[in-house]
N, C-alpha and C. Protein backbone atom coordinates (compact mmCIF):
# COMPACT_ATOMS: atom_id res chain seq x y z
N MET A 1 -10.68 -0.66 -5.61
CA MET A 1 -9.39 -0.44 -5.03
C MET A 1 -8.87 0.96 -5.39
N VAL A 2 -9.05 1.35 -6.63
CA VAL A 2 -8.58 2.66 -7.07
C VAL A 2 -9.31 3.77 -6.32
N ARG A 3 -10.63 3.63 -6.16
CA ARG A 3 -11.40 4.67 -5.45
C ARG A 3 -10.93 4.82 -4.01
N SER A 4 -10.73 3.71 -3.31
CA SER A 4 -10.34 3.82 -1.91
C SER A 4 -8.93 4.39 -1.76
N ILE A 5 -8.02 4.02 -2.63
CA ILE A 5 -6.67 4.57 -2.58
C ILE A 5 -6.68 6.05 -2.95
N ARG A 6 -7.44 6.40 -3.96
CA ARG A 6 -7.51 7.80 -4.40
C ARG A 6 -7.97 8.71 -3.27
N SER A 7 -8.94 8.27 -2.48
CA SER A 7 -9.47 9.11 -1.40
C SER A 7 -8.40 9.42 -0.36
N VAL A 8 -7.42 8.55 -0.18
CA VAL A 8 -6.31 8.80 0.74
C VAL A 8 -5.24 9.66 0.07
N VAL A 9 -4.83 9.27 -1.13
CA VAL A 9 -3.73 9.94 -1.82
C VAL A 9 -4.04 11.39 -2.12
N GLU A 10 -5.29 11.70 -2.42
CA GLU A 10 -5.66 13.09 -2.73
C GLU A 10 -5.45 14.03 -1.55
N ARG A 11 -5.41 13.52 -0.32
CA ARG A 11 -5.18 14.36 0.86
C ARG A 11 -3.69 14.67 1.06
N LEU A 12 -2.82 13.89 0.45
CA LEU A 12 -1.38 13.97 0.72
C LEU A 12 -0.67 14.91 -0.24
N ASP A 13 0.45 15.46 0.23
CA ASP A 13 1.31 16.27 -0.63
C ASP A 13 2.28 15.37 -1.39
N ALA A 14 2.65 14.25 -0.78
CA ALA A 14 3.57 13.31 -1.43
C ALA A 14 3.42 11.94 -0.79
N THR A 15 3.70 10.92 -1.58
CA THR A 15 3.74 9.56 -1.07
C THR A 15 4.70 8.77 -1.95
N GLN A 16 5.37 7.82 -1.34
CA GLN A 16 6.29 6.97 -2.09
C GLN A 16 6.29 5.59 -1.44
N HIS A 17 6.16 4.57 -2.27
CA HIS A 17 6.13 3.20 -1.78
C HIS A 17 7.25 2.42 -2.45
N HIS A 18 8.06 1.77 -1.63
CA HIS A 18 9.14 0.92 -2.13
C HIS A 18 8.72 -0.53 -1.90
N LEU A 19 8.73 -1.33 -2.95
CA LEU A 19 8.35 -2.74 -2.86
C LEU A 19 9.58 -3.60 -3.15
N SER A 20 9.75 -4.69 -2.38
CA SER A 20 10.92 -5.54 -2.59
C SER A 20 10.63 -6.98 -2.19
N ASN A 21 11.55 -7.85 -2.54
CA ASN A 21 11.53 -9.26 -2.16
C ASN A 21 10.22 -9.95 -2.57
N HIS A 22 9.89 -9.84 -3.83
CA HIS A 22 8.66 -10.43 -4.36
C HIS A 22 8.75 -11.95 -4.39
N LEU A 23 7.68 -12.59 -3.93
CA LEU A 23 7.52 -14.04 -4.03
C LEU A 23 6.23 -14.31 -4.79
N VAL A 24 6.30 -15.19 -5.77
CA VAL A 24 5.13 -15.51 -6.59
C VAL A 24 4.87 -17.01 -6.49
N ASP A 25 3.64 -17.37 -6.14
CA ASP A 25 3.22 -18.77 -6.06
C ASP A 25 1.91 -18.93 -6.82
N ARG A 26 1.70 -20.10 -7.34
CA ARG A 26 0.43 -20.40 -7.99
C ARG A 26 -0.50 -21.01 -6.96
N GLY A 27 -1.65 -20.35 -6.76
CA GLY A 27 -2.67 -20.84 -5.84
C GLY A 27 -3.80 -21.49 -6.62
N PRO A 28 -4.80 -22.00 -5.93
CA PRO A 28 -5.91 -22.69 -6.60
C PRO A 28 -6.74 -21.77 -7.51
N ASP A 29 -6.76 -20.47 -7.20
CA ASP A 29 -7.58 -19.53 -7.96
C ASP A 29 -6.75 -18.52 -8.75
N GLY A 30 -5.46 -18.77 -8.90
CA GLY A 30 -4.60 -17.83 -9.62
C GLY A 30 -3.28 -17.67 -8.88
N LEU A 31 -2.62 -16.56 -9.13
CA LEU A 31 -1.32 -16.31 -8.53
C LEU A 31 -1.46 -15.61 -7.19
N VAL A 32 -0.55 -15.92 -6.28
CA VAL A 32 -0.44 -15.23 -4.99
C VAL A 32 0.94 -14.58 -4.97
N VAL A 33 0.97 -13.26 -4.80
CA VAL A 33 2.22 -12.50 -4.82
C VAL A 33 2.37 -11.82 -3.47
N GLN A 34 3.53 -12.01 -2.85
CA GLN A 34 3.84 -11.33 -1.60
C GLN A 34 5.07 -10.46 -1.81
N CYS A 35 5.11 -9.32 -1.13
CA CYS A 35 6.29 -8.47 -1.16
C CYS A 35 6.30 -7.59 0.08
N TYR A 36 7.49 -7.12 0.42
CA TYR A 36 7.62 -6.15 1.49
C TYR A 36 7.33 -4.76 0.95
N VAL A 37 6.80 -3.88 1.81
CA VAL A 37 6.51 -2.50 1.43
C VAL A 37 7.05 -1.56 2.49
N LEU A 38 7.67 -0.49 2.05
CA LEU A 38 8.06 0.64 2.88
C LEU A 38 7.33 1.83 2.29
N ALA A 39 6.38 2.38 3.02
CA ALA A 39 5.51 3.44 2.49
C ALA A 39 5.68 4.72 3.28
N GLN A 40 5.98 5.80 2.56
CA GLN A 40 6.18 7.11 3.17
C GLN A 40 5.07 8.05 2.70
N HIS A 41 4.53 8.83 3.63
CA HIS A 41 3.43 9.74 3.33
C HIS A 41 3.73 11.10 3.95
N VAL A 42 3.43 12.18 3.22
CA VAL A 42 3.72 13.55 3.67
C VAL A 42 2.48 14.41 3.44
N ARG A 43 2.15 15.21 4.45
CA ARG A 43 1.02 16.12 4.33
C ARG A 43 1.29 17.37 5.16
N THR A 44 0.98 18.52 4.60
CA THR A 44 1.12 19.79 5.32
C THR A 44 -0.23 20.16 5.91
N ILE A 45 -0.23 20.36 7.23
CA ILE A 45 -1.46 20.71 7.95
C ILE A 45 -1.16 21.97 8.76
N ASP A 46 -1.92 23.03 8.51
CA ASP A 46 -1.73 24.31 9.23
C ASP A 46 -0.27 24.77 9.16
N GLY A 47 0.36 24.62 7.99
CA GLY A 47 1.72 25.08 7.79
C GLY A 47 2.81 24.15 8.32
N GLU A 48 2.43 23.06 8.95
CA GLU A 48 3.39 22.10 9.50
C GLU A 48 3.41 20.85 8.64
N THR A 49 4.60 20.38 8.30
CA THR A 49 4.74 19.16 7.52
C THR A 49 4.73 17.96 8.46
N GLU A 50 3.78 17.08 8.24
CA GLU A 50 3.64 15.86 9.05
C GLU A 50 3.94 14.66 8.17
N THR A 51 4.49 13.60 8.77
CA THR A 51 4.80 12.39 8.01
C THR A 51 4.26 11.16 8.71
N PHE A 52 4.05 10.14 7.91
CA PHE A 52 3.69 8.82 8.42
C PHE A 52 4.39 7.79 7.53
N THR A 53 5.14 6.92 8.15
CA THR A 53 5.87 5.88 7.43
C THR A 53 5.56 4.54 8.06
N PHE A 54 5.37 3.53 7.21
CA PHE A 54 5.19 2.19 7.75
C PHE A 54 5.93 1.17 6.90
N GLY A 55 6.24 0.06 7.53
CA GLY A 55 6.82 -1.08 6.84
C GLY A 55 5.90 -2.27 7.03
N GLY A 56 5.77 -3.07 5.99
CA GLY A 56 4.87 -4.21 6.11
C GLY A 56 4.99 -5.14 4.92
N ARG A 57 3.93 -5.88 4.71
CA ARG A 57 3.90 -6.89 3.65
C ARG A 57 2.56 -6.85 2.94
N TYR A 58 2.61 -6.84 1.63
CA TYR A 58 1.41 -6.99 0.80
C TYR A 58 1.28 -8.46 0.40
N THR A 59 0.07 -8.97 0.45
CA THR A 59 -0.26 -10.26 -0.14
C THR A 59 -1.37 -10.01 -1.14
N ASP A 60 -1.06 -10.22 -2.41
CA ASP A 60 -2.02 -9.99 -3.49
C ASP A 60 -2.46 -11.32 -4.09
N ARG A 61 -3.74 -11.44 -4.35
CA ARG A 61 -4.26 -12.58 -5.10
C ARG A 61 -4.64 -12.05 -6.48
N LEU A 62 -4.01 -12.63 -7.50
CA LEU A 62 -4.22 -12.19 -8.87
C LEU A 62 -5.06 -13.20 -9.62
N ARG A 63 -5.93 -12.68 -10.48
CA ARG A 63 -6.74 -13.53 -11.35
C ARG A 63 -5.97 -13.78 -12.63
N ASP A 64 -5.90 -15.03 -13.02
CA ASP A 64 -5.34 -15.37 -14.34
C ASP A 64 -6.40 -15.05 -15.38
N GLY A 65 -5.95 -14.73 -16.53
CA GLY A 65 -6.85 -14.43 -17.64
C GLY A 65 -6.05 -13.81 -18.75
N GLU A 66 -6.72 -13.06 -19.59
CA GLU A 66 -6.02 -12.37 -20.66
C GLU A 66 -4.99 -11.39 -20.07
N ARG A 67 -5.36 -10.76 -18.94
CA ARG A 67 -4.45 -9.88 -18.20
C ARG A 67 -4.47 -10.30 -16.73
N LEU A 68 -3.34 -10.15 -16.07
CA LEU A 68 -3.34 -10.38 -14.63
C LEU A 68 -3.96 -9.18 -13.94
N GLN A 69 -4.87 -9.43 -13.01
CA GLN A 69 -5.51 -8.36 -12.27
C GLN A 69 -5.51 -8.72 -10.80
N ILE A 70 -5.30 -7.71 -9.95
CA ILE A 70 -5.37 -7.94 -8.52
C ILE A 70 -6.83 -8.12 -8.13
N ALA A 71 -7.15 -9.29 -7.60
CA ALA A 71 -8.51 -9.56 -7.15
C ALA A 71 -8.69 -9.19 -5.68
N HIS A 72 -7.59 -9.29 -4.92
CA HIS A 72 -7.65 -8.99 -3.49
C HIS A 72 -6.26 -8.60 -3.02
N ARG A 73 -6.20 -7.57 -2.20
CA ARG A 73 -4.91 -7.14 -1.61
C ARG A 73 -5.08 -7.07 -0.11
N GLN A 74 -4.11 -7.65 0.58
CA GLN A 74 -4.08 -7.58 2.05
C GLN A 74 -2.77 -6.91 2.45
N LEU A 75 -2.87 -5.97 3.37
CA LEU A 75 -1.69 -5.29 3.90
C LEU A 75 -1.53 -5.67 5.36
N GLU A 76 -0.35 -6.14 5.70
CA GLU A 76 0.00 -6.42 7.09
C GLU A 76 1.06 -5.40 7.49
N VAL A 77 0.71 -4.46 8.37
CA VAL A 77 1.66 -3.45 8.84
C VAL A 77 2.47 -4.07 9.97
N LEU A 78 3.79 -4.07 9.83
CA LEU A 78 4.68 -4.66 10.82
C LEU A 78 5.24 -3.61 11.78
N TRP A 79 5.37 -2.37 11.33
CA TRP A 79 5.83 -1.28 12.18
C TRP A 79 5.41 0.05 11.55
N SER A 80 5.37 1.10 12.36
CA SER A 80 5.05 2.43 11.82
C SER A 80 5.63 3.50 12.73
N ILE A 81 5.78 4.69 12.14
CA ILE A 81 6.26 5.85 12.88
C ILE A 81 5.59 7.09 12.28
N GLY A 82 5.25 8.03 13.12
CA GLY A 82 4.64 9.27 12.64
C GLY A 82 3.15 9.31 12.92
N MET A 83 2.48 10.23 12.21
CA MET A 83 1.06 10.50 12.43
C MET A 83 0.19 9.77 11.41
N SER A 84 -0.35 8.63 11.78
CA SER A 84 -1.21 7.89 10.84
C SER A 84 -2.47 8.67 10.51
N SER A 85 -2.85 9.62 11.34
CA SER A 85 -4.07 10.40 11.11
C SER A 85 -4.00 11.22 9.84
N ILE A 86 -2.80 11.49 9.30
CA ILE A 86 -2.73 12.28 8.05
C ILE A 86 -3.33 11.53 6.88
N LEU A 87 -3.50 10.21 7.02
CA LEU A 87 -4.12 9.43 5.95
C LEU A 87 -5.64 9.57 5.94
N HIS A 88 -6.22 9.98 7.06
CA HIS A 88 -7.68 9.94 7.19
C HIS A 88 -8.33 11.28 7.44
N ALA A 89 -7.65 12.19 8.06
CA ALA A 89 -8.30 13.45 8.48
C ALA A 89 -8.26 14.48 7.38
């Protein structure tokens, strides 16, 4: 997870994620945590500042153990505005 996120974040000049309305449930294999996300991304390309913002929901499955760890994360994007290509190009 860290490697895949790092490959995106390293391209950006700035990013900020706001998480809210957390719900925690116990599932058969550990905890299931859901929250809303508002994610803003900024990148300068050829002297122009481009942005991409989306709103959505994270669903995380956490492993119980000595420490809680995210075993799986799913992102459902509900809306977006701007240039999503700044995350990949």
